[in-house]
Amino acid sequence: MSATNASIETQEGQEENSVTHDELEVELRKLDPRERARLAAALLDSLEELSEDENARLWAVDAERRHDDLLSDVTLGRSTTDVFRDIRERLGG
């Protein structure tokens, strides 16, 4: 979870108390599973509305974050040699 703040805007356009993403997630997890599923579907659908530029920007941001994660902890990555060896073993070859 992230500690980034999210401002909640009222219908009148006024900003309410700032809440962290962690706090928001904690509250949303309290919803009934059906309501959480409905909300998740709506949020996923909203991603389909992104422009190609915004989608590309978000992918770049995520790729950079993953790259930084790998650089900060070498135990997260595996060599291609190990990955392909494991695949061959699992496929029986």
PDB file of N, CA and C in Angstrom:
ATOM      1  N   MET A   1       0.843  -1.180   0.000  1.00  0.00           N
ATOM      2  CA  MET A   1       0.000   0.000   0.000  1.00  0.00           C
ATOM      3  C   MET A   1       0.885   1.240   0.000  1.00  0.00           C
ATOM      4  N   SER A   2       0.330   2.323  -0.423  1.00  0.00           N
ATOM      5  CA  SER A   2       1.076   3.571  -0.546  1.00  0.00           C
ATOM      6  C   SER A   2       0.588   4.573   0.480  1.00  0.00           C
ATOM      7  N   ALA A   3       1.489   5.398   0.938  1.00  0.00           N
ATOM      8  CA  ALA A   3       1.111   6.427   1.904  1.00  0.00           C
ATOM      9  C   ALA A   3       0.806   7.747   1.224  1.00  0.00           C
ATOM     10  N   THR A   4       0.644   7.741  -0.076  1.00  0.00           N
ATOM     11  CA  THR A   4       0.339   8.956  -0.824  1.00  0.00           C
ATOM     12  C   THR A   4      -1.024   9.480  -0.401  1.00  0.00           C
ATOM     13  N   ASN A   5      -1.152  10.806  -0.330  1.00  0.00           N
ATOM     14  CA  ASN A   5      -2.420  11.406   0.054  1.00  0.00           C
ATOM     15  C   ASN A   5      -3.364  11.507  -1.130  1.00  0.00           C
ATOM     16  N   ALA A   6      -4.629  11.359  -0.867  1.00  0.00           N
ATOM     17  CA  ALA A   6      -5.663  11.547  -1.877  1.00  0.00           C
ATOM     18  C   ALA A   6      -6.669  12.529  -1.311  1.00  0.00           C
ATOM     19  N   SER A   7      -6.974  13.550  -2.067  1.00  0.00           N
ATOM     20  CA  SER A   7      -7.989  14.496  -1.633  1.00  0.00           C
ATOM     21  C   SER A   7      -9.324  14.036  -2.168  1.00  0.00           C
ATOM     22  N   ILE A   8     -10.342  14.176  -1.358  1.00  0.00           N
ATOM     23  CA  ILE A   8     -11.681  13.788  -1.769  1.00  0.00           C
ATOM     24  C   ILE A   8     -12.466  15.067  -2.021  1.00  0.00           C
ATOM     25  N   GLU A   9     -13.019  15.164  -3.221  1.00  0.00           N
ATOM     26  CA  GLU A   9     -13.748  16.361  -3.607  1.00  0.00           C
ATOM     27  C   GLU A   9     -15.246  16.111  -3.456  1.00  0.00           C
ATOM     28  N   THR A  10     -15.941  17.070  -2.887  1.00  0.00           N
ATOM     29  CA  THR A  10     -17.383  16.957  -2.727  1.00  0.00           C
ATOM     30  C   THR A  10     -18.063  17.313  -4.041  1.00  0.00           C
ATOM     31  N   GLN A  11     -19.362  17.058  -4.128  1.00  0.00           N
ATOM     32  CA  GLN A  11     -20.110  17.395  -5.336  1.00  0.00           C
ATOM     33  C   GLN A  11     -20.089  18.886  -5.602  1.00  0.00           C
ATOM     34  N   GLU A  12     -19.921  19.674  -4.558  1.00  0.00           N
ATOM     35  CA  GLU A  12     -19.877  21.122  -4.711  1.00  0.00           C
ATOM     36  C   GLU A  12     -18.502  21.584  -5.176  1.00  0.00           C
ATOM     37  N   GLY A  13     -17.555  20.657  -5.349  1.00  0.00           N
ATOM     38  CA  GLY A  13     -16.227  20.995  -5.811  1.00  0.00           C
ATOM     39  C   GLY A  13     -15.275  21.418  -4.705  1.00  0.00           C
ATOM     40  N   GLN A  14     -15.709  21.300  -3.456  1.00  0.00           N
ATOM     41  CA  GLN A  14     -14.844  21.665  -2.343  1.00  0.00           C
ATOM     42  C   GLN A  14     -14.043  20.443  -1.921  1.00  0.00           C
ATOM     43  N   GLU A  15     -12.785  20.697  -1.539  1.00  0.00           N
ATOM     44  CA  GLU A  15     -11.928  19.602  -1.132  1.00  0.00           C
ATOM     45  C   GLU A  15     -12.172  19.267   0.338  1.00  0.00           C
ATOM     46  N   GLU A  16     -12.354  18.002   0.611  1.00  0.00           N
ATOM     47  CA  GLU A  16     -12.535  17.524   1.979  1.00  0.00           C
ATOM     48  C   GLU A  16     -11.179  17.216   2.593  1.00  0.00           C
ATOM     49  N   ASN A  17     -11.191  16.635   3.779  1.00  0.00           N
ATOM     50  CA  ASN A  17      -9.960  16.238   4.445  1.00  0.00           C
ATOM     51  C   ASN A  17      -9.135  15.341   3.541  1.00  0.00           C
ATOM     52  N   SER A  18      -7.840  15.527   3.610  1.00  0.00           N
ATOM     53  CA  SER A  18      -6.931  14.694   2.835  1.00  0.00           C
ATOM     54  C   SER A  18      -6.816  13.345   3.537  1.00  0.00           C
ATOM     55  N   VAL A  19      -6.837  12.296   2.741  1.00  0.00           N
ATOM     56  CA  VAL A  19      -6.774  10.952   3.292  1.00  0.00           C
ATOM     57  C   VAL A  19      -5.672  10.206   2.538  1.00  0.00           C
ATOM     58  N   THR A  20      -4.922   9.346   3.229  1.00  0.00           N
ATOM     59  CA  THR A  20      -3.881   8.600   2.537  1.00  0.00           C
ATOM     60  C   THR A  20      -4.511   7.441   1.772  1.00  0.00           C
ATOM     61  N   HIS A  21      -3.792   6.977   0.763  1.00  0.00           N
ATOM     62  CA  HIS A  21      -4.282   5.811   0.026  1.00  0.00           C
ATOM     63  C   HIS A  21      -4.433   4.615   0.952  1.00  0.00           C
ATOM     64  N   ASP A  22      -3.521   4.489   1.926  1.00  0.00           N
ATOM     65  CA  ASP A  22      -3.620   3.390   2.890  1.00  0.00           C
ATOM     66  C   ASP A  22      -4.926   3.464   3.673  1.00  0.00           C
ATOM     67  N   GLU A  23      -5.266   4.663   4.133  1.00  0.00           N
ATOM     68  CA  GLU A  23      -6.508   4.839   4.893  1.00  0.00           C
ATOM     69  C   GLU A  23      -7.720   4.543   4.019  1.00  0.00           C
ATOM     70  N   LEU A  24      -7.664   5.014   2.794  1.00  0.00           N
ATOM     71  CA  LEU A  24      -8.765   4.774   1.869  1.00  0.00           C
ATOM     72  C   LEU A  24      -8.934   3.277   1.612  1.00  0.00           C
ATOM     73  N   GLU A  25      -7.813   2.600   1.397  1.00  0.00           N
ATOM     74  CA  GLU A  25      -7.885   1.155   1.147  1.00  0.00           C
ATOM     75  C   GLU A  25      -8.454   0.407   2.350  1.00  0.00           C
ATOM     76  N   VAL A  26      -8.030   0.799   3.547  1.00  0.00           N
ATOM     77  CA  VAL A  26      -8.557   0.156   4.762  1.00  0.00           C
ATOM     78  C   VAL A  26     -10.072   0.304   4.815  1.00  0.00           C
ATOM     79  N   GLU A  27     -10.554   1.509   4.537  1.00  0.00           N
ATOM     80  CA  GLU A  27     -12.000   1.742   4.573  1.00  0.00           C
ATOM     81  C   GLU A  27     -12.728   0.962   3.478  1.00  0.00           C
ATOM     82  N   LEU A  28     -12.160   0.937   2.272  1.00  0.00           N
ATOM     83  CA  LEU A  28     -12.807   0.234   1.168  1.00  0.00           C
ATOM     84  C   LEU A  28     -12.842  -1.274   1.395  1.00  0.00           C
ATOM     85  N   ARG A  29     -11.848  -1.799   2.091  1.00  0.00           N
ATOM     86  CA  ARG A  29     -11.841  -3.235   2.387  1.00  0.00           C
ATOM     87  C   ARG A  29     -12.971  -3.614   3.344  1.00  0.00           C
ATOM     88  N   LYS A  30     -13.538  -2.648   4.017  1.00  0.00           N
ATOM     89  CA  LYS A  30     -14.653  -2.909   4.929  1.00  0.00           C
ATOM     90  C   LYS A  30     -15.967  -3.111   4.177  1.00  0.00           C
ATOM     91  N   LEU A  31     -15.977  -2.754   2.887  1.00  0.00           N
ATOM     92  CA  LEU A  31     -17.196  -2.934   2.094  1.00  0.00           C
ATOM     93  C   LEU A  31     -17.520  -4.403   1.936  1.00  0.00           C
ATOM     94  N   ASP A  32     -18.773  -4.664   1.738  1.00  0.00           N
ATOM     95  CA  ASP A  32     -19.246  -6.011   1.434  1.00  0.00           C
ATOM     96  C   ASP A  32     -18.529  -6.501   0.160  1.00  0.00           C
ATOM     97  N   PRO A  33     -18.188  -7.788   0.076  1.00  0.00           N
ATOM     98  CA  PRO A  33     -17.454  -8.292  -1.092  1.00  0.00           C
ATOM     99  C   PRO A  33     -18.093  -7.941  -2.435  1.00  0.00           C
ATOM    100  N   ARG A  34     -19.410  -7.959  -2.510  1.00  0.00           N
ATOM    101  CA  ARG A  34     -20.066  -7.598  -3.773  1.00  0.00           C
ATOM    102  C   ARG A  34     -19.830  -6.137  -4.129  1.00  0.00           C
ATOM    103  N   GLU A  35     -19.877  -5.272  -3.125  1.00  0.00           N
ATOM    104  CA  GLU A  35     -19.632  -3.855  -3.360  1.00  0.00           C
ATOM    105  C   GLU A  35     -18.178  -3.615  -3.757  1.00  0.00           C
ATOM    106  N   ARG A  36     -17.251  -4.336  -3.108  1.00  0.00           N
ATOM    107  CA  ARG A  36     -15.837  -4.212  -3.485  1.00  0.00           C
ATOM    108  C   ARG A  36     -15.628  -4.665  -4.915  1.00  0.00           C
ATOM    109  N   ALA A  37     -16.289  -5.764  -5.307  1.00  0.00           N
ATOM    110  CA  ALA A  37     -16.163  -6.267  -6.678  1.00  0.00           C
ATOM    111  C   ALA A  37     -16.733  -5.251  -7.672  1.00  0.00           C
ATOM    112  N   ARG A  38     -17.864  -4.654  -7.344  1.00  0.00           N
ATOM    113  CA  ARG A  38     -18.470  -3.649  -8.214  1.00  0.00           C
ATOM    114  C   ARG A  38     -17.540  -2.450  -8.362  1.00  0.00           C
ATOM    115  N   LEU A  39     -16.960  -2.019  -7.242  1.00  0.00           N
ATOM    116  CA  LEU A  39     -16.034  -0.892  -7.272  1.00  0.00           C
ATOM    117  C   LEU A  39     -14.782  -1.238  -8.080  1.00  0.00           C
ATOM    118  N   ALA A  40     -14.259  -2.430  -7.879  1.00  0.00           N
ATOM    119  CA  ALA A  40     -13.074  -2.858  -8.628  1.00  0.00           C
ATOM    120  C   ALA A  40     -13.362  -2.867 -10.124  1.00  0.00           C
ATOM    121  N   ALA A  41     -14.519  -3.375 -10.505  1.00  0.00           N
ATOM    122  CA  ALA A  41     -14.888  -3.409 -11.929  1.00  0.00           C
ATOM    123  C   ALA A  41     -15.001  -1.992 -12.492  1.00  0.00           C
ATOM    124  N   ALA A  42     -15.597  -1.107 -11.722  1.00  0.00           N
ATOM    125  CA  ALA A  42     -15.744   0.282 -12.180  1.00  0.00           C
ATOM    126  C   ALA A  42     -14.375   0.944 -12.328  1.00  0.00           C
ATOM    127  N   LEU A  43     -13.474   0.680 -11.391  1.00  0.00           N
ATOM    128  CA  LEU A  43     -12.134   1.262 -11.476  1.00  0.00           C
ATOM    129  C   LEU A  43     -11.368   0.699 -12.668  1.00  0.00           C
ATOM    130  N   LEU A  44     -11.484  -0.591 -12.888  1.00  0.00           N
ATOM    131  CA  LEU A  44     -10.830  -1.195 -14.054  1.00  0.00           C
ATOM    132  C   LEU A  44     -11.398  -0.638 -15.348  1.00  0.00           C
ATOM    133  N   ASP A  45     -12.702  -0.492 -15.403  1.00  0.00           N
ATOM    134  CA  ASP A  45     -13.338   0.090 -16.598  1.00  0.00           C
ATOM    135  C   ASP A  45     -12.825   1.502 -16.851  1.00  0.00           C
ATOM    136  N   SER A  46     -12.601   2.254 -15.779  1.00  0.00           N
ATOM    137  CA  SER A  46     -12.144   3.629 -15.944  1.00  0.00           C
ATOM    138  C   SER A  46     -10.764   3.689 -16.590  1.00  0.00           C
ATOM    139  N   LEU A  47      -9.974   2.640 -16.438  1.00  0.00           N
ATOM    140  CA  LEU A  47      -8.654   2.607 -17.066  1.00  0.00           C
ATOM    141  C   LEU A  47      -8.763   2.478 -18.577  1.00  0.00           C
ATOM    142  N   GLU A  48      -9.862   1.912 -19.051  1.00  0.00           N
ATOM    143  CA  GLU A  48     -10.079   1.782 -20.491  1.00  0.00           C
ATOM    144  C   GLU A  48     -10.293   3.138 -21.152  1.00  0.00           C
ATOM    145  N   GLU A  49     -10.635   4.131 -20.359  1.00  0.00           N
ATOM    146  CA  GLU A  49     -10.922   5.460 -20.889  1.00  0.00           C
ATOM    147  C   GLU A  49      -9.670   6.318 -21.036  1.00  0.00           C
ATOM    148  N   LEU A  50      -8.507   5.802 -20.644  1.00  0.00           N
ATOM    149  CA  LEU A  50      -7.278   6.574 -20.732  1.00  0.00           C
ATOM    150  C   LEU A  50      -6.861   6.769 -22.182  1.00  0.00           C
ATOM    151  N   SER A  51      -6.265   7.893 -22.455  1.00  0.00           N
ATOM    152  CA  SER A  51      -5.732   8.131 -23.798  1.00  0.00           C
ATOM    153  C   SER A  51      -4.497   7.252 -23.994  1.00  0.00           C
ATOM    154  N   GLU A  52      -4.094   7.079 -25.245  1.00  0.00           N
ATOM    155  CA  GLU A  52      -2.895   6.290 -25.525  1.00  0.00           C
ATOM    156  C   GLU A  52      -1.679   6.911 -24.854  1.00  0.00           C
ATOM    157  N   ASP A  53      -1.601   8.235 -24.868  1.00  0.00           N
ATOM    158  CA  ASP A  53      -0.469   8.925 -24.238  1.00  0.00           C
ATOM    159  C   ASP A  53      -0.437   8.681 -22.736  1.00  0.00           C
ATOM    160  N   GLU A  54      -1.592   8.785 -22.091  1.00  0.00           N
ATOM    161  CA  GLU A  54      -1.653   8.566 -20.642  1.00  0.00           C
ATOM    162  C   GLU A  54      -1.336   7.112 -20.315  1.00  0.00           C
ATOM    163  N   ASN A  55      -1.842   6.185 -21.111  1.00  0.00           N
ATOM    164  CA  ASN A  55      -1.563   4.773 -20.905  1.00  0.00           C
ATOM    165  C   ASN A  55      -0.060   4.505 -21.035  1.00  0.00           C
ATOM    166  N   ALA A  56       0.565   5.070 -22.062  1.00  0.00           N
ATOM    167  CA  ALA A  56       2.007   4.898 -22.262  1.00  0.00           C
ATOM    168  C   ALA A  56       2.788   5.504 -21.103  1.00  0.00           C
ATOM    169  N   ARG A  57       2.334   6.673 -20.629  1.00  0.00           N
ATOM    170  CA  ARG A  57       3.019   7.321 -19.498  1.00  0.00           C
ATOM    171  C   ARG A  57       2.949   6.453 -18.250  1.00  0.00           C
ATOM    172  N   LEU A  58       1.756   5.876 -17.981  1.00  0.00           N
ATOM    173  CA  LEU A  58       1.599   5.034 -16.799  1.00  0.00           C
ATOM    174  C   LEU A  58       2.453   3.773 -16.889  1.00  0.00           C
ATOM    175  N   TRP A  59       2.524   3.172 -18.092  1.00  0.00           N
ATOM    176  CA  TRP A  59       3.379   1.989 -18.279  1.00  0.00           C
ATOM    177  C   TRP A  59       4.834   2.356 -18.029  1.00  0.00           C
ATOM    178  N   ALA A  60       5.265   3.525 -18.510  1.00  0.00           N
ATOM    179  CA  ALA A  60       6.650   3.955 -18.323  1.00  0.00           C
ATOM    180  C   ALA A  60       6.956   4.170 -16.844  1.00  0.00           C
ATOM    181  N   VAL A  61       6.020   4.786 -16.125  1.00  0.00           N
ATOM    182  CA  VAL A  61       6.204   5.008 -14.690  1.00  0.00           C
ATOM    183  C   VAL A  61       6.328   3.666 -13.968  1.00  0.00           C
ATOM    184  N   ASP A  62       5.467   2.702 -14.315  1.00  0.00           N
ATOM    185  CA  ASP A  62       5.514   1.396 -13.668  1.00  0.00           C
ATOM    186  C   ASP A  62       6.800   0.660 -14.022  1.00  0.00           C
ATOM    187  N   ALA A  63       7.224   0.737 -15.280  1.00  0.00           N
ATOM    188  CA  ALA A  63       8.469   0.081 -15.697  1.00  0.00           C
ATOM    189  C   ALA A  63       9.654   0.674 -14.933  1.00  0.00           C
ATOM    190  N   GLU A  64       9.659   1.982 -14.773  1.00  0.00           N
ATOM    191  CA  GLU A  64      10.737   2.629 -14.026  1.00  0.00           C
ATOM    192  C   GLU A  64      10.733   2.189 -12.563  1.00  0.00           C
ATOM    193  N   ARG A  65       9.543   2.096 -11.968  1.00  0.00           N
ATOM    194  CA  ARG A  65       9.444   1.645 -10.572  1.00  0.00           C
ATOM    195  C   ARG A  65       9.973   0.227 -10.436  1.00  0.00           C
ATOM    196  N   ARG A  66       9.589  -0.653 -11.358  1.00  0.00           N
ATOM    197  CA  ARG A  66      10.063  -2.039 -11.303  1.00  0.00           C
ATOM    198  C   ARG A  66      11.574  -2.107 -11.482  1.00  0.00           C
ATOM    199  N   HIS A  67      12.087  -1.294 -12.385  1.00  0.00           N
ATOM    200  CA  HIS A  67      13.531  -1.251 -12.609  1.00  0.00           C
ATOM    201  C   HIS A  67      14.243  -0.804 -11.336  1.00  0.00           C
ATOM    202  N   ASP A  68      13.737   0.247 -10.713  1.00  0.00           N
ATOM    203  CA  ASP A  68      14.327   0.737  -9.463  1.00  0.00           C
ATOM    204  C   ASP A  68      14.270  -0.332  -8.377  1.00  0.00           C
ATOM    205  N   ASP A  69      13.146  -1.068  -8.313  1.00  0.00           N
ATOM    206  CA  ASP A  69      13.026  -2.153  -7.333  1.00  0.00           C
ATOM    207  C   ASP A  69      14.106  -3.202  -7.554  1.00  0.00           C
ATOM    208  N   LEU A  70      14.315  -3.570  -8.809  1.00  0.00           N
ATOM    209  CA  LEU A  70      15.341  -4.569  -9.113  1.00  0.00           C
ATOM    210  C   LEU A  70      16.737  -4.069  -8.750  1.00  0.00           C
ATOM    211  N   LEU A  71      17.013  -2.809  -9.038  1.00  0.00           N
ATOM    212  CA  LEU A  71      18.326  -2.259  -8.721  1.00  0.00           C
ATOM    213  C   LEU A  71      18.556  -2.164  -7.219  1.00  0.00           C
ATOM    214  N   SER A  72      17.507  -1.922  -6.463  1.00  0.00           N
ATOM    215  CA  SER A  72      17.652  -1.752  -5.016  1.00  0.00           C
ATOM    216  C   SER A  72      17.752  -3.077  -4.272  1.00  0.00           C
ATOM    217  N   ASP A  73      17.333  -4.175  -4.894  1.00  0.00           N
ATOM    218  CA  ASP A  73      17.380  -5.484  -4.221  1.00  0.00           C
ATOM    219  C   ASP A  73      17.642  -6.562  -5.261  1.00  0.00           C
ATOM    220  N   VAL A  74      18.896  -6.944  -5.391  1.00  0.00           N
ATOM    221  CA  VAL A  74      19.259  -7.913  -6.428  1.00  0.00           C
ATOM    222  C   VAL A  74      18.638  -9.285  -6.190  1.00  0.00           C
ATOM    223  N   THR A  75      18.141  -9.547  -4.994  1.00  0.00           N
ATOM    224  CA  THR A  75      17.526 -10.852  -4.737  1.00  0.00           C
ATOM    225  C   THR A  75      16.175 -10.987  -5.424  1.00  0.00           C
ATOM    226  N   LEU A  76      15.602  -9.868  -5.895  1.00  0.00           N
ATOM    227  CA  LEU A  76      14.302  -9.922  -6.565  1.00  0.00           C
ATOM    228  C   LEU A  76      14.409 -10.511  -7.966  1.00  0.00           C
ATOM    229  N   GLY A  77      15.550 -10.330  -8.610  1.00  0.00           N
ATOM    230  CA  GLY A  77      15.706 -10.779  -9.988  1.00  0.00           C
ATOM    231  C   GLY A  77      16.318 -12.165 -10.062  1.00  0.00           C
ATOM    232  N   ARG A  78      16.115 -12.815 -11.211  1.00  0.00           N
ATOM    233  CA  ARG A  78      16.720 -14.124 -11.468  1.00  0.00           C
ATOM    234  C   ARG A  78      17.367 -14.069 -12.831  1.00  0.00           C
ATOM    235  N   SER A  79      18.445 -14.795 -12.974  1.00  0.00           N
ATOM    236  CA  SER A  79      19.117 -14.803 -14.267  1.00  0.00           C
ATOM    237  C   SER A  79      18.259 -15.549 -15.282  1.00  0.00           C
ATOM    238  N   THR A  80      18.406 -15.179 -16.544  1.00  0.00           N
ATOM    239  CA  THR A  80      17.657 -15.877 -17.602  1.00  0.00           C
ATOM    240  C   THR A  80      18.073 -17.344 -17.662  1.00  0.00           C
ATOM    241  N   THR A  81      19.320 -17.629 -17.358  1.00  0.00           N
ATOM    242  CA  THR A  81      19.791 -19.019 -17.346  1.00  0.00           C
ATOM    243  C   THR A  81      18.969 -19.840 -16.360  1.00  0.00           C
ATOM    244  N   ASP A  82      18.778 -19.298 -15.153  1.00  0.00           N
ATOM    245  CA  ASP A  82      17.985 -20.007 -14.144  1.00  0.00           C
ATOM    246  C   ASP A  82      16.524 -20.143 -14.562  1.00  0.00           C
ATOM    247  N   VAL A  83      15.972 -19.086 -15.111  1.00  0.00           N
ATOM    248  CA  VAL A  83      14.565 -19.104 -15.524  1.00  0.00           C
ATOM    249  C   VAL A  83      14.340 -20.162 -16.596  1.00  0.00           C
ATOM    250  N   PHE A  84      15.172 -20.164 -17.641  1.00  0.00           N
ATOM    251  CA  PHE A  84      15.003 -21.136 -18.728  1.00  0.00           C
ATOM    252  C   PHE A  84      15.282 -22.568 -18.264  1.00  0.00           C
ATOM    253  N   ARG A  85      16.243 -22.748 -17.358  1.00  0.00           N
ATOM    254  CA  ARG A  85      16.505 -24.079 -16.800  1.00  0.00           C
ATOM    255  C   ARG A  85      15.261 -24.589 -16.076  1.00  0.00           C
ATOM    256  N   ASP A  86      14.649 -23.727 -15.259  1.00  0.00           N
ATOM    257  CA  ASP A  86      13.445 -24.135 -14.535  1.00  0.00           C
ATOM    258  C   ASP A  86      12.295 -24.469 -15.479  1.00  0.00           C
ATOM    259  N   ILE A  87      12.168 -23.690 -16.542  1.00  0.00           N
ATOM    260  CA  ILE A  87      11.112 -23.956 -17.529  1.00  0.00           C
ATOM    261  C   ILE A  87      11.343 -25.308 -18.170  1.00  0.00           C
ATOM    262  N   ARG A  88      12.577 -25.568 -18.600  1.00  0.00           N
ATOM    263  CA  ARG A  88      12.882 -26.855 -19.235  1.00  0.00           C
ATOM    264  C   ARG A  88      12.584 -28.019 -18.291  1.00  0.00           C
ATOM    265  N   GLU A  89      12.945 -27.860 -17.018  1.00  0.00           N
ATOM    266  CA  GLU A  89      12.692 -28.924 -16.027  1.00  0.00           C
ATOM    267  C   GLU A  89      11.189 -29.166 -15.879  1.00  0.00           C
ATOM    268  N   ARG A  90      10.425 -28.085 -15.824  1.00  0.00           N
ATOM    269  CA  ARG A  90       8.976 -28.227 -15.658  1.00  0.00           C
ATOM    270  C   ARG A  90       8.314 -28.855 -16.894  1.00  0.00           C
ATOM    271  N   LEU A  91       8.888 -28.574 -18.063  1.00  0.00           N
ATOM    272  CA  LEU A  91       8.323 -29.132 -19.303  1.00  0.00           C
ATOM    273  C   LEU A  91       8.883 -30.514 -19.610  1.00  0.00           C
ATOM    274  N   GLY A  92       9.787 -30.973 -18.762  1.00  0.00           N
ATOM    275  CA  GLY A  92      10.326 -32.315 -18.944  1.00  0.00           C
ATOM    276  C   GLY A  92      11.423 -32.391 -19.988  1.00  0.00           C
ATOM    277  N   GLY A  93      12.048 -31.290 -20.294  1.00  0.00           N
ATOM    278  CA  GLY A  93      13.072 -31.304 -21.339  1.00  0.00           C
ATOM    279  C   GLY A  93      14.332 -30.848 -20.818  1.00  0.00           C
TER     280      GLY A  93
END
